[in-house]
C-alpha atoms as a PDB file:
ATOM      1  CA  MET A   1      -1.435 -31.678 -14.457  1.00  0.00           C
ATOM      2  CA  LYS A   2      -1.689 -28.389 -12.412  1.00  0.00           C
ATOM      3  CA  LEU A   3       0.607 -28.567  -9.959  1.00  0.00           C
ATOM      4  CA  ARG A   4       0.103 -25.710  -7.462  1.00  0.00           C
ATOM      5  CA  THR A   5       2.153 -24.726  -4.227  1.00  0.00           C
ATOM      6  CA  LEU A   6       0.249 -23.605  -0.763  1.00  0.00           C
ATOM      7  CA  SER A   7       2.336 -20.054  -1.563  1.00  0.00           C
ATOM      8  CA  GLY A   8       0.142 -19.979  -4.695  1.00  0.00           C
ATOM      9  CA  VAL A   9       3.186 -20.619  -7.898  1.00  0.00           C
ATOM     10  CA  ASP A  10       1.925 -23.336 -10.448  1.00  0.00           C
ATOM     11  CA  TRP A  11       5.140 -25.502 -11.085  1.00  0.00           C
ATOM     12  CA  SER A  12       3.780 -26.614 -14.291  1.00  0.00           C
ATOM     13  CA  ASN A  13       2.771 -23.736 -16.163  1.00  0.00           C
ATOM     14  CA  LYS A  14       6.095 -21.961 -15.040  1.00  0.00           C
ATOM     15  CA  ALA A  15       8.116 -24.909 -15.639  1.00  0.00           C
ATOM     16  CA  ARG A  16       6.748 -24.862 -18.846  1.00  0.00           C
ATOM     17  CA  GLU A  17       7.015 -21.431 -20.044  1.00  0.00           C
ATOM     18  CA  TRP A  18      11.155 -21.732 -19.031  1.00  0.00           C
ATOM     19  CA  ALA A  19      10.776 -24.318 -21.554  1.00  0.00           C
ATOM     20  CA  ASP A  20       9.395 -22.293 -23.578  1.00  0.00           C
ATOM     21  CA  ALA A  21      11.801 -19.571 -23.695  1.00  0.00           C
ATOM     22  CA  GLN A  22      14.760 -21.647 -24.022  1.00  0.00           C
ATOM     23  CA  LEU A  23      16.000 -20.833 -20.283  1.00  0.00           C
ATOM     24  CA  ILE A  24      15.913 -24.858 -19.514  1.00  0.00           C
ATOM     25  CA  SER A  25      15.331 -27.541 -21.498  1.00  0.00           C
ATOM     26  CA  ALA A  26      12.264 -30.130 -21.343  1.00  0.00           C
ATOM     27  CA  GLU A  27      14.038 -32.778 -19.693  1.00  0.00           C
ATOM     28  CA  GLN A  28      14.514 -30.475 -16.837  1.00  0.00           C
ATOM     29  CA  ALA A  29      11.127 -29.302 -16.558  1.00  0.00           C
ATOM     30  CA  GLU A  30       9.739 -32.241 -16.273  1.00  0.00           C
ATOM     31  CA  ALA A  31      12.299 -32.629 -13.745  1.00  0.00           C
ATOM     32  CA  ILE A  32      11.225 -30.297 -11.481  1.00  0.00           C
ATOM     33  CA  VAL A  33       7.481 -30.645 -11.587  1.00  0.00           C
ATOM     34  CA  ARG A  34       8.445 -34.358 -10.206  1.00  0.00           C
ATOM     35  CA  HIS A  35      10.228 -32.933  -7.724  1.00  0.00           C
ATOM     36  CA  GLU A  36       8.229 -29.946  -6.492  1.00  0.00           C
ATOM     37  CA  GLY A  37       5.155 -32.333  -6.878  1.00  0.00           C
ATOM     38  CA  ALA A  38       6.859 -34.659  -4.299  1.00  0.00           C
ATOM     39  CA  HIS A  39       7.941 -31.565  -2.273  1.00  0.00           C
ATOM     40  CA  VAL A  40       4.150 -30.394  -1.585  1.00  0.00           C
ATOM     41  CA  THR A  41       2.914 -34.129  -1.116  1.00  0.00           C
ATOM     42  CA  ALA A  42       5.614 -34.573   2.025  1.00  0.00           C
ATOM     43  CA  SER A  43       5.029 -30.692   3.104  1.00  0.00           C
ATOM     44  CA  THR A  44       1.586 -30.061   3.218  1.00  0.00           C
ATOM     45  CA  PRO A  45      -0.282 -30.969   6.148  1.00  0.00           C
ATOM     46  CA  PRO A  46      -3.696 -33.024   6.250  1.00  0.00           C
ATOM     47  CA  SER A  47      -6.874 -30.122   5.791  1.00  0.00           C
ATOM     48  CA  TYR A  48     -10.627 -30.436   5.650  1.00  0.00           C
ATOM     49  CA  SER A  49     -13.028 -28.745   2.988  1.00  0.00           C
ATOM     50  CA  THR A  50     -15.932 -27.760   5.065  1.00  0.00           C
ATOM     51  CA  SER A  51     -17.386 -25.116   4.149  1.00  0.00           C
ATOM     52  CA  LEU A  52     -18.992 -22.395   5.518  1.00  0.00           C
ATOM     53  CA  SER A  53     -21.789 -19.782   4.535  1.00  0.00           C
ATOM     54  CA  PRO A  54     -21.379 -16.468   5.941  1.00  0.00           C
ATOM     55  CA  LEU A  55     -24.552 -16.677   7.547  1.00  0.00           C
ATOM     56  CA  ALA A  56     -22.863 -19.000  10.012  1.00  0.00           C
ATOM     57  CA  GLU A  57     -19.196 -17.483  10.110  1.00  0.00           C
ATOM     58  CA  VAL A  58     -22.062 -14.735  11.886  1.00  0.00           C
ATOM     59  CA  MET A  59     -23.841 -16.872  13.804  1.00  0.00           C
ATOM     60  CA  ALA A  60     -20.751 -18.349  14.819  1.00  0.00           C
ATOM     61  CA  TYR A  61     -18.904 -14.890  16.108  1.00  0.00           C
ATOM     62  CA  LEU A  62     -22.149 -13.805  17.891  1.00  0.00           C
ATOM     63  CA  ALA A  63     -21.999 -17.316  19.975  1.00  0.00           C
ATOM     64  CA  MET A  64     -18.214 -17.032  21.048  1.00  0.00           C
ATOM     65  CA  VAL A  65     -18.953 -13.330  21.786  1.00  0.00           C
ATOM     66  CA  PHE A  66     -21.976 -14.416  24.246  1.00  0.00           C
ATOM     67  CA  THR A  67     -20.138 -17.365  25.194  1.00  0.00           C
ATOM     68  CA  VAL A  68     -17.470 -15.915  26.242  1.00  0.00           C
ATOM     69  CA  ALA A  69     -19.294 -12.760  27.487  1.00  0.00           C
ATOM     70  CA  SER A  70     -21.368 -15.209  29.806  1.00  0.00           C
ATOM     71  CA  GLY A  71     -18.951 -17.553  30.997  1.00  0.00           C
ATOM     72  CA  THR A  72     -16.716 -14.942  32.558  1.00  0.00           C
ATOM     73  CA  THR A  73     -19.259 -13.350  34.029  1.00  0.00           C
ATOM     74  CA  LEU A  74     -20.338 -16.835  36.053  1.00  0.00           C
ATOM     75  CA  VAL A  75     -16.371 -17.436  36.940  1.00  0.00           C
ATOM     76  CA  PHE A  76     -16.396 -14.147  38.621  1.00  0.00           C
ATOM     77  CA  ARG A  77     -19.757 -14.849  39.893  1.00  0.00           C
ATOM     78  CA  SER A  78     -18.983 -18.391  41.072  1.00  0.00           C
ATOM     79  CA  PHE A  79     -15.473 -18.713  42.251  1.00  0.00           C
ATOM     80  CA  GLN A  80     -14.979 -16.162  44.612  1.00  0.00           C
ATOM     81  CA  SER A  81     -10.934 -16.891  45.769  1.00  0.00           C
ATOM     82  CA  THR A  82      -7.810 -15.847  43.519  1.00  0.00           C
ATOM     83  CA  GLY A  83      -6.750 -19.883  43.267  1.00  0.00           C
ATOM     84  CA  GLU A  84     -10.198 -20.834  41.809  1.00  0.00           C
ATOM     85  CA  ARG A  85      -9.966 -17.898  38.615  1.00  0.00           C
ATOM     86  CA  LEU A  86      -7.129 -19.138  38.296  1.00  0.00           C
ATOM     87  CA  LEU A  87      -7.770 -22.430  37.257  1.00  0.00           C
ATOM     88  CA  ALA A  88     -10.506 -21.830  35.366  1.00  0.00           C
ATOM     89  CA  LEU A  89      -8.901 -18.504  33.343  1.00  0.00           C
ATOM     90  CA  GLY A  90      -5.631 -21.491  32.617  1.00  0.00           C
ATOM     91  CA  LEU A  91      -8.181 -24.075  31.468  1.00  0.00           C
ATOM     92  CA  VAL A  92     -10.462 -21.781  29.179  1.00  0.00           C
ATOM     93  CA  ALA A  93      -7.157 -20.354  27.874  1.00  0.00           C
ATOM     94  CA  VAL A  94      -5.674 -23.926  26.939  1.00  0.00           C
ATOM     95  CA  ALA A  95      -9.325 -25.237  25.698  1.00  0.00           C
ATOM     96  CA  MET A  96      -9.278 -22.203  23.464  1.00  0.00           C
ATOM     97  CA  LEU A  97      -5.647 -22.831  22.206  1.00  0.00           C
ATOM     98  CA  ILE A  98      -6.620 -26.194  21.514  1.00  0.00           C
ATOM     99  CA  LEU A  99      -9.859 -25.430  19.945  1.00  0.00           C
ATOM    100  CA  GLY A 100      -8.291 -22.155  17.777  1.00  0.00           C
ATOM    101  CA  ALA A 101      -5.668 -25.076  16.311  1.00  0.00           C
ATOM    102  CA  ARG A 102      -7.741 -27.071  15.454  1.00  0.00           C
ATOM    103  CA  VAL A 103     -10.554 -25.269  13.798  1.00  0.00           C
ATOM    104  CA  VAL A 104      -7.499 -23.174  11.539  1.00  0.00           C
ATOM    105  CA  ARG A 105      -7.361 -26.550  10.245  1.00  0.00           C
ATOM    106  CA  LEU A 106     -10.505 -27.022   8.719  1.00  0.00           C
ATOM    107  CA  GLY A 107      -9.560 -25.502   5.193  1.00  0.00           C
ATOM    108  CA  GLY A 108     -10.670 -22.242   3.926  1.00  0.00           C
ATOM    109  CA  SER A 109     -10.730 -18.496   4.532  1.00  0.00           C
ATOM    110  CA  ALA A 110     -14.282 -18.742   7.421  1.00  0.00           C
ATOM    111  CA  TRP A 111     -12.735 -20.653   9.359  1.00  0.00           C
ATOM    112  CA  GLU A 112      -9.191 -19.539   9.248  1.00  0.00           C
ATOM    113  CA  ARG A 113     -10.825 -16.445  10.571  1.00  0.00           C
ATOM    114  CA  ILE A 114     -12.827 -17.969  13.347  1.00  0.00           C
ATOM    115  CA  GLY A 115     -10.032 -20.058  14.685  1.00  0.00           C
ATOM    116  CA  SER A 116      -7.902 -16.673  14.375  1.00  0.00           C
ATOM    117  CA  VAL A 117     -10.498 -15.446  16.626  1.00  0.00           C
ATOM    118  CA  LEU A 118     -10.761 -18.382  19.465  1.00  0.00           C
ATOM    119  CA  LEU A 119      -7.206 -17.939  19.355  1.00  0.00           C
ATOM    120  CA  THR A 120      -6.972 -14.358  20.345  1.00  0.00           C
ATOM    121  CA  PHE A 121      -9.824 -14.740  23.349  1.00  0.00           C
ATOM    122  CA  ALA A 122      -6.908 -17.615  24.171  1.00  0.00           C
ATOM    123  CA  THR A 123      -4.516 -15.334  24.339  1.00  0.00           C
ATOM    124  CA  ALA A 124      -6.588 -12.884  26.248  1.00  0.00           C
ATOM    125  CA  CYS A 125      -7.126 -15.772  28.656  1.00  0.00           C
ATOM    126  CA  ALA A 126      -3.462 -16.552  29.095  1.00  0.00           C
ATOM    127  CA  THR A 127      -2.363 -12.770  29.858  1.00  0.00           C
ATOM    128  CA  GLY A 128      -5.647 -12.340  32.296  1.00  0.00           C
ATOM    129  CA  PHE A 129      -3.725 -15.473  34.313  1.00  0.00           C
ATOM    130  CA  VAL A 130      -0.663 -14.262  34.405  1.00  0.00           C
ATOM    131  CA  ALA A 131      -1.674 -10.892  35.365  1.00  0.00           C
ATOM    132  CA  LEU A 132      -3.302 -12.587  38.001  1.00  0.00           C
ATOM    133  CA  LEU A 133      -0.914 -14.583  39.546  1.00  0.00           C
ATOM    134  CA  LEU A 134       1.976 -11.882  39.283  1.00  0.00           C
ATOM    135  CA  THR A 135      -0.658  -9.300  41.200  1.00  0.00           C
ATOM    136  CA  HIS A 136      -1.877 -12.030  44.015  1.00  0.00           C
ATOM    137  CA  TYR A 137       0.779 -14.852  43.954  1.00  0.00           C
ATOM    138  CA  VAL A 138       4.526 -12.846  43.177  1.00  0.00           C
ATOM    139  CA  LYS A 139       3.703 -10.135  44.644  1.00  0.00           C
ATOM    140  CA  THR A 140       6.096  -8.006  42.221  1.00  0.00           C
ATOM    141  CA  SER A 141       5.887  -4.395  41.857  1.00  0.00           C
ATOM    142  CA  ASP A 142       2.670  -2.739  39.404  1.00  0.00           C
ATOM    143  CA  GLU A 143       5.618  -1.845  37.391  1.00  0.00           C
ATOM    144  CA  VAL A 144       7.571  -5.383  37.455  1.00  0.00           C
ATOM    145  CA  ALA A 145       3.987  -7.478  36.751  1.00  0.00           C
ATOM    146  CA  GLN A 146       3.180  -4.781  33.113  1.00  0.00           C
ATOM    147  CA  LEU A 147       6.189  -5.488  32.043  1.00  0.00           C
ATOM    148  CA  ILE A 148       6.379  -9.176  32.325  1.00  0.00           C
ATOM    149  CA  THR A 149       2.624  -9.919  31.220  1.00  0.00           C
ATOM    150  CA  ALA A 150       3.201  -7.627  28.264  1.00  0.00           C
ATOM    151  CA  LEU A 151       6.481  -9.666  26.992  1.00  0.00           C
ATOM    152  CA  PHE A 152       3.936 -13.264  27.643  1.00  0.00           C
ATOM    153  CA  PHE A 153       1.021 -11.462  25.997  1.00  0.00           C
ATOM    154  CA  THR A 154       3.295 -10.586  23.145  1.00  0.00           C
ATOM    155  CA  ALA A 155       5.408 -13.378  22.696  1.00  0.00           C
ATOM    156  CA  LEU A 156       1.739 -15.818  22.795  1.00  0.00           C
ATOM    157  CA  SER A 157       0.595 -13.728  20.128  1.00  0.00           C
ATOM    158  CA  VAL A 158       4.137 -13.647  18.359  1.00  0.00           C
ATOM    159  CA  THR A 159       4.249 -17.347  18.368  1.00  0.00           C
ATOM    160  CA  LEU A 160       0.265 -17.697  17.282  1.00  0.00           C
ATOM    161  CA  TRP A 161       1.300 -15.397  14.686  1.00  0.00           C
ATOM    162  CA  ARG A 162       5.185 -16.376  13.157  1.00  0.00           C
ATOM    163  CA  ASN A 163       4.608 -13.723  10.215  1.00  0.00           C
ATOM    164  CA  ARG A 164       1.276 -15.942   8.544  1.00  0.00           C
ATOM    165  CA  ASP A 165      -1.586 -14.140   7.018  1.00  0.00           C
ATOM    166  CA  ARG A 166      -3.416 -13.743  10.667  1.00  0.00           C
ATOM    167  CA  PHE A 167      -4.615 -10.210  11.074  1.00  0.00           C
ATOM    168  CA  LEU A 168      -5.460 -10.319  14.278  1.00  0.00           C
ATOM    169  CA  GLN A 169      -2.582 -11.800  15.806  1.00  0.00           C
ATOM    170  CA  MET A 170      -0.963  -9.618  13.363  1.00  0.00           C
ATOM    171  CA  ALA A 171      -2.595  -6.927  15.171  1.00  0.00           C
ATOM    172  CA  THR A 172      -2.221  -8.226  18.836  1.00  0.00           C
ATOM    173  CA  SER A 173       2.299  -9.388  18.274  1.00  0.00           C
ATOM    174  CA  LEU A 174       2.437  -5.579  17.296  1.00  0.00           C
ATOM    175  CA  GLY A 175      -0.280  -3.686  20.072  1.00  0.00           C
ATOM    176  CA  GLY A 176       1.882  -6.347  22.084  1.00  0.00           C
ATOM    177  CA  MET A 177       5.458  -5.171  21.128  1.00  0.00           C
ATOM    178  CA  PHE A 178       4.328  -1.356  21.483  1.00  0.00           C
ATOM    179  CA  TRP A 179       2.537  -2.132  25.242  1.00  0.00           C
ATOM    180  CA  VAL A 180       6.457  -3.668  26.454  1.00  0.00           C
ATOM    181  CA  VAL A 181       8.267  -0.143  25.362  1.00  0.00           C
ATOM    182  CA  GLY A 182       5.565   1.659  27.281  1.00  0.00           C
ATOM    183  CA  SER A 183       6.329  -0.783  30.203  1.00  0.00           C
ATOM    184  CA  ALA A 184       9.900  -0.700  29.914  1.00  0.00           C
ATOM    185  CA  VAL A 185       9.968   2.920  29.776  1.00  0.00           C
ATOM    186  CA  ALA A 186       6.884   2.735  32.800  1.00  0.00           C
ATOM    187  CA  LEU A 187      10.060   1.003  34.919  1.00  0.00           C
ATOM    188  CA  SER A 188      12.877   2.497  34.073  1.00  0.00           C
ATOM    189  CA  GLY A 189      11.270   5.701  35.957  1.00  0.00           C
ATOM    190  CA  ALA A 190      12.298   8.281  32.378  1.00  0.00           C
ATOM    191  CA  SER A 191       9.948  11.036  32.401  1.00  0.00           C
ATOM    192  CA  LEU A 192       8.791  11.978  29.027  1.00  0.00           C
ATOM    193  CA  ARG A 193       6.429  14.834  27.907  1.00  0.00           C
ATOM    194  CA  PRO A 194       3.606  13.501  26.660  1.00  0.00           C
ATOM    195  CA  TRP A 195       4.047  14.840  23.051  1.00  0.00           C
ATOM    196  CA  ILE A 196       7.537  12.589  23.535  1.00  0.00           C
ATOM    197  CA  VAL A 197       5.489   9.788  23.767  1.00  0.00           C
ATOM    198  CA  THR A 198       2.925  10.023  20.904  1.00  0.00           C
ATOM    199  CA  MET A 199       5.583  10.988  18.483  1.00  0.00           C
ATOM    200  CA  LEU A 200       6.917   7.284  19.405  1.00  0.00           C
ATOM    201  CA  PHE A 201       3.282   5.642  18.602  1.00  0.00           C
ATOM    202  CA  TRP A 202       3.581   7.653  15.483  1.00  0.00           C
ATOM    203  CA  ALA A 203       6.999   6.467  14.563  1.00  0.00           C
ATOM    204  CA  GLY A 204       6.360   2.674  16.020  1.00  0.00           C
ATOM    205  CA  GLY A 205       3.381   3.491  12.828  1.00  0.00           C
ATOM    206  CA  MET A 206       5.419   5.084  10.483  1.00  0.00           C
ATOM    207  CA  ALA A 207       7.711   1.443  10.799  1.00  0.00           C
ATOM    208  CA  ILE A 208       4.732  -0.413  10.140  1.00  0.00           C
ATOM    209  CA  VAL A 209       3.444   1.131   7.223  1.00  0.00           C
ATOM    210  CA  LEU A 210       7.748   0.830   5.554  1.00  0.00           C
ATOM    211  CA  LEU A 211       8.034  -2.531   6.661  1.00  0.00           C
ATOM    212  CA  ARG A 212       4.409  -3.859   5.535  1.00  0.00           C
ATOM    213  CA  GLU A 213       6.014  -6.040   3.069  1.00  0.00           C
ATOM    214  CA  LYS A 214       7.188  -7.820   5.525  1.00  0.00           C
ATOM    215  CA  ILE A 215       4.606  -7.802   7.452  1.00  0.00           C
ATOM    216  CA  HIS A 216       1.668 -10.600   6.346  1.00  0.00           C
ATOM    217  CA  PRO A 217      -0.808 -10.122   5.860  1.00  0.00           C
ATOM    218  CA  THR A 218      -0.237  -7.514   3.705  1.00  0.00           C
ATOM    219  CA  SER A 219      -2.575  -5.096   3.997  1.00  0.00           C
ATOM    220  CA  GLY A 220      -3.332  -5.166   7.079  1.00  0.00           C
ATOM    221  CA  ALA A 221      -0.502  -4.436   7.912  1.00  0.00           C
ATOM    222  CA  LEU A 222      -0.739  -1.183   5.827  1.00  0.00           C
ATOM    223  CA  THR A 223      -3.888   0.005   7.229  1.00  0.00           C
ATOM    224  CA  LEU A 224      -2.745  -0.512  11.227  1.00  0.00           C
ATOM    225  CA  GLY A 225       0.745   1.153  10.605  1.00  0.00           C
ATOM    226  CA  TRP A 226      -1.688   4.178   9.203  1.00  0.00           C
ATOM    227  CA  VAL A 227      -4.287   4.281  11.748  1.00  0.00           C
ATOM    228  CA  VAL A 228      -2.204   3.997  14.174  1.00  0.00           C
ATOM    229  CA  CYS A 229      -0.024   7.557  12.262  1.00  0.00           C
ATOM    230  CA  LEU A 230      -3.346   9.198  11.787  1.00  0.00           C
ATOM    231  CA  VAL A 231      -4.948   8.496  16.200  1.00  0.00           C
ATOM    232  CA  ALA A 232      -1.471   9.448  17.054  1.00  0.00           C
ATOM    233  CA  ALA A 233      -0.666  12.983  15.122  1.00  0.00           C
ATOM    234  CA  PRO A 234      -3.687  14.692  16.160  1.00  0.00           C
ATOM    235  CA  THR A 235      -3.233  14.268  19.766  1.00  0.00           C
ATOM    236  CA  LEU A 236      -0.167  16.602  19.742  1.00  0.00           C
ATOM    237  CA  LEU A 237      -3.221  19.249  20.178  1.00  0.00           C
ATOM    238  CA  ALA A 238      -3.790  18.421  23.684  1.00  0.00           C
ATOM    239  CA  ASP A 239       0.436  18.877  25.236  1.00  0.00           C
ATOM    240  CA  SER A 240       0.256  22.348  25.948  1.00  0.00           C
ATOM    241  CA  THR A 241       3.762  21.603  26.480  1.00  0.00           C
ATOM    242  CA  ALA A 242       3.959  20.787  22.287  1.00  0.00           C
ATOM    243  CA  PRO A 243       4.242  23.690  19.886  1.00  0.00           C
ATOM    244  CA  TYR A 244       0.980  25.327  18.801  1.00  0.00           C
ATOM    245  CA  LEU A 245      -0.339  24.177  15.711  1.00  0.00           C
ATOM    246  CA  PHE A 246       1.833  20.719  15.466  1.00  0.00           C
ATOM    247  CA  GLY A 247      -0.956  18.629  16.073  1.00  0.00           C
ATOM    248  CA  SER A 248      -3.378  19.964  13.578  1.00  0.00           C
ATOM    249  CA  LEU A 249      -0.737  20.259  11.506  1.00  0.00           C
ATOM    250  CA  ALA A 250       0.723  16.827  12.048  1.00  0.00           C
ATOM    251  CA  GLY A 251      -2.541  15.228  11.310  1.00  0.00           C
ATOM    252  CA  ILE A 252      -3.476  16.928   8.113  1.00  0.00           C
ATOM    253  CA  ALA A 253       0.285  16.115   6.621  1.00  0.00           C
ATOM    254  CA  THR A 254      -0.418  12.691   7.801  1.00  0.00           C
ATOM    255  CA  SER A 255      -4.227  12.362   6.556  1.00  0.00           C
ATOM    256  CA  ALA A 256      -2.577  13.800   3.149  1.00  0.00           C
ATOM    257  CA  MET A 257       0.292  11.011   3.235  1.00  0.00           C
ATOM    258  CA  ALA A 258      -2.306   8.131   3.592  1.00  0.00           C
ATOM    259  CA  ILE A 259      -4.859   9.179   1.054  1.00  0.00           C
ATOM    260  CA  GLY A 260      -1.905   9.295  -1.506  1.00  0.00           C
ATOM    261  CA  MET A 261      -0.466   5.816  -0.651  1.00  0.00           C
ATOM    262  CA  SER A 262      -4.144   3.921  -0.285  1.00  0.00           C
ATOM    263  CA  HIS A 263      -4.808   6.150  -4.322  1.00  0.00           C
ATOM    264  CA  PHE A 264      -1.959   4.825  -5.480  1.00  0.00           C
ATOM    265  CA  ARG A 265      -2.561   0.950  -4.175  1.00  0.00           C
ATOM    266  CA  GLN A 266      -6.058   1.187  -4.458  1.00  0.00           C
ATOM    267  CA  ARG A 267      -6.835   0.659  -0.562  1.00  0.00           C
ATOM    268  CA  ARG A 268     -10.253   1.704  -0.409  1.00  0.00           C
ATOM    269  CA  ILE A 269     -11.088   1.379   3.209  1.00  0.00           C
ATOM    270  CA  LEU A 270      -7.385   2.815   3.915  1.00  0.00           C
ATOM    271  CA  PHE A 271      -8.541   5.577   1.576  1.00  0.00           C
ATOM    272  CA  ILE A 272     -12.027   6.459   3.515  1.00  0.00           C
ATOM    273  CA  VAL A 273     -10.111   6.675   6.978  1.00  0.00           C
ATOM    274  CA  ALA A 274      -7.750   8.755   5.697  1.00  0.00           C
ATOM    275  CA  VAL A 275      -9.910  11.335   3.956  1.00  0.00           C
ATOM    276  CA  VAL A 276     -12.629  10.993   7.229  1.00  0.00           C
ATOM    277  CA  ALA A 277      -9.338  11.841   9.587  1.00  0.00           C
ATOM    278  CA  MET A 278      -8.420  14.225   7.353  1.00  0.00           C
ATOM    279  CA  PHE A 279     -11.568  15.835   7.715  1.00  0.00           C
ATOM    280  CA  PHE A 280     -10.928  15.180  11.923  1.00  0.00           C
ATOM    281  CA  ASN A 281      -8.203  17.420  11.738  1.00  0.00           C
ATOM    282  CA  LEU A 282      -9.656  21.040   9.256  1.00  0.00           C
ATOM    283  CA  ILE A 283     -12.312  20.582  11.802  1.00  0.00           C
ATOM    284  CA  ARG A 284      -9.870  21.023  14.931  1.00  0.00           C
ATOM    285  CA  LEU A 285      -8.178  23.834  12.710  1.00  0.00           C
ATOM    286  CA  PHE A 286     -11.287  25.463  12.071  1.00  0.00           C
ATOM    287  CA  ALA A 287     -12.617  24.935  15.899  1.00  0.00           C
ATOM    288  CA  HIS A 288      -9.693  26.327  17.142  1.00  0.00           C
ATOM    289  CA  PHE A 289      -8.394  29.137  14.663  1.00  0.00           C
ATOM    290  CA  ALA A 290     -12.167  30.583  13.580  1.00  0.00           C
ATOM    291  CA  HIS A 291     -11.558  33.892  14.820  1.00  0.00           C
ATOM    292  CA  SER A 292      -8.124  34.530  12.273  1.00  0.00           C
ATOM    293  CA  GLY A 293      -9.283  35.717   8.645  1.00  0.00           C
ATOM    294  CA  GLY A 294      -5.643  34.061   7.978  1.00  0.00           C
ATOM    295  CA  ALA A 295      -6.291  30.839   9.167  1.00  0.00           C
ATOM    296  CA  LEU A 296      -9.736  30.673   7.991  1.00  0.00           C
ATOM    297  CA  VAL A 297      -8.065  31.313   4.448  1.00  0.00           C
ATOM    298  CA  VAL A 298      -6.001  27.421   4.743  1.00  0.00           C
ATOM    299  CA  VAL A 299      -8.529  25.787   6.162  1.00  0.00           C
ATOM    300  CA  PHE A 300     -10.615  26.486   2.646  1.00  0.00           C
ATOM    301  CA  LEU A 301      -7.818  26.052   1.244  1.00  0.00           C
ATOM    302  CA  LEU A 302      -6.936  22.565   2.773  1.00  0.00           C
ATOM    303  CA  SER A 303     -10.507  21.820   2.595  1.00  0.00           C
ATOM    304  CA  VAL A 304     -10.799  22.498  -1.215  1.00  0.00           C
ATOM    305  CA  SER A 305      -7.181  20.601  -1.326  1.00  0.00           C
ATOM    306  CA  ALA A 306      -8.844  17.444   0.196  1.00  0.00           C
ATOM    307  CA  ILE A 307     -12.282  17.373  -1.599  1.00  0.00           C
ATOM    308  CA  VAL A 308      -9.692  17.701  -4.494  1.00  0.00           C
ATOM    309  CA  LEU A 309      -8.455  14.020  -3.998  1.00  0.00           C
ATOM    310  CA  ILE A 310     -11.696  12.500  -3.357  1.00  0.00           C
ATOM    311  CA  VAL A 311     -12.642  13.149  -7.008  1.00  0.00           C
ATOM    312  CA  VAL A 312      -9.941  12.550  -7.845  1.00  0.00           C
ATOM    313  CA  ARG A 313      -9.646   9.276  -6.588  1.00  0.00           C
ATOM    314  CA  PHE A 314     -13.902   8.582  -7.521  1.00  0.00           C
ATOM    315  CA  ILE A 315     -12.658   9.321 -11.024  1.00  0.00           C
ATOM    316  CA  SER A 316      -9.550   7.134 -11.699  1.00  0.00           C
ATOM    317  CA  SER A 317     -11.136   4.204  -9.927  1.00  0.00           C
ATOM    318  CA  GLN A 318     -13.645   3.927 -12.368  1.00  0.00           C
ATOM    319  CA  THR A 319     -13.664   2.024 -15.668  1.00  0.00           C
ATOM    320  CA  VAL A 320     -13.858   2.869 -19.342  1.00  0.00           C
ATOM    321  CA  VAL A 321     -14.597   0.601 -21.712  1.00  0.00           C
ATOM    322  CA  GLN A 322     -13.919   2.035 -24.989  1.00  0.00           C
ATOM    323  CA  SER A 323     -15.971   0.747 -27.818  1.00  0.00           C
ATOM    324  CA  PRO A 324     -13.261  -0.791 -31.087  1.00  0.00           C
ATOM    325  CA  PRO A 325     -12.637   1.145 -33.760  1.00  0.00           C
ATOM    326  CA  GLU A 326     -14.819   0.487 -37.088  1.00  0.00           C
ATOM    327  CA  GLY A 327     -13.256  -0.226 -40.407  1.00  0.00           C
END
């Protein structure tokens, strides 16, 4: 009998391995399997095994997008008063929360993704409800309203995520945290230079990368953190107060680190994104310093290095099958 929990641990095999290694007795192994079996039976929620084909999943996404787009247009055209719009947004948010929570329990990764999309739409509607309420009824300042809205958005996203393998809820939770920090800075009246704000975003993305093992889904956190870093680094060049060349060099260095990690972690999507970012930064560097011979040499060497990294990544991804020696 195989006993596999929701976390994927097969306790029957584990107990047998421990018994074979003489770490525990056979009686203790059987006791572990019985205990975990009772625990799984008591704690596992009821689920459904309804499967969904890829075509049906795509159709579900399209239906949701068109429903939300047409429904939003209909609400804003049909209801002119703020109270009616608030009521419509609140009802839609509650309905989507209930439907999304129901769908994620149907079982299977496809239903999990569809339910996650529904919960994201519900978060957006609920956030719009709070923003409209603060703007037209509470009548607070724009900075206070933005901070309260950001806090609500983040709290709801984190509640729906709770560090489970839901990429959209993880992304909205982390994005909400950035939104809260930005709103708090705006409310404080602190005048930060653009390049300092960009560096804060880069540091936040790097913090996600470093803490990826504690964030679920881990692969999604890794990619999302690096995307934040890759987007933030080259924007330093647009700020005249930042040191010259700093943006392009920071972008190239960040891209190189992302390429290296994607190579060792075998993350193909991250590798593609990092390579595109690398060439984007190289092109910007070339465009700004095309008149300088020394800069052209630097750009040439960096481009060759990027090509070498791509070739090494391609070669290492190939599987070499050796025939067994004869005789």
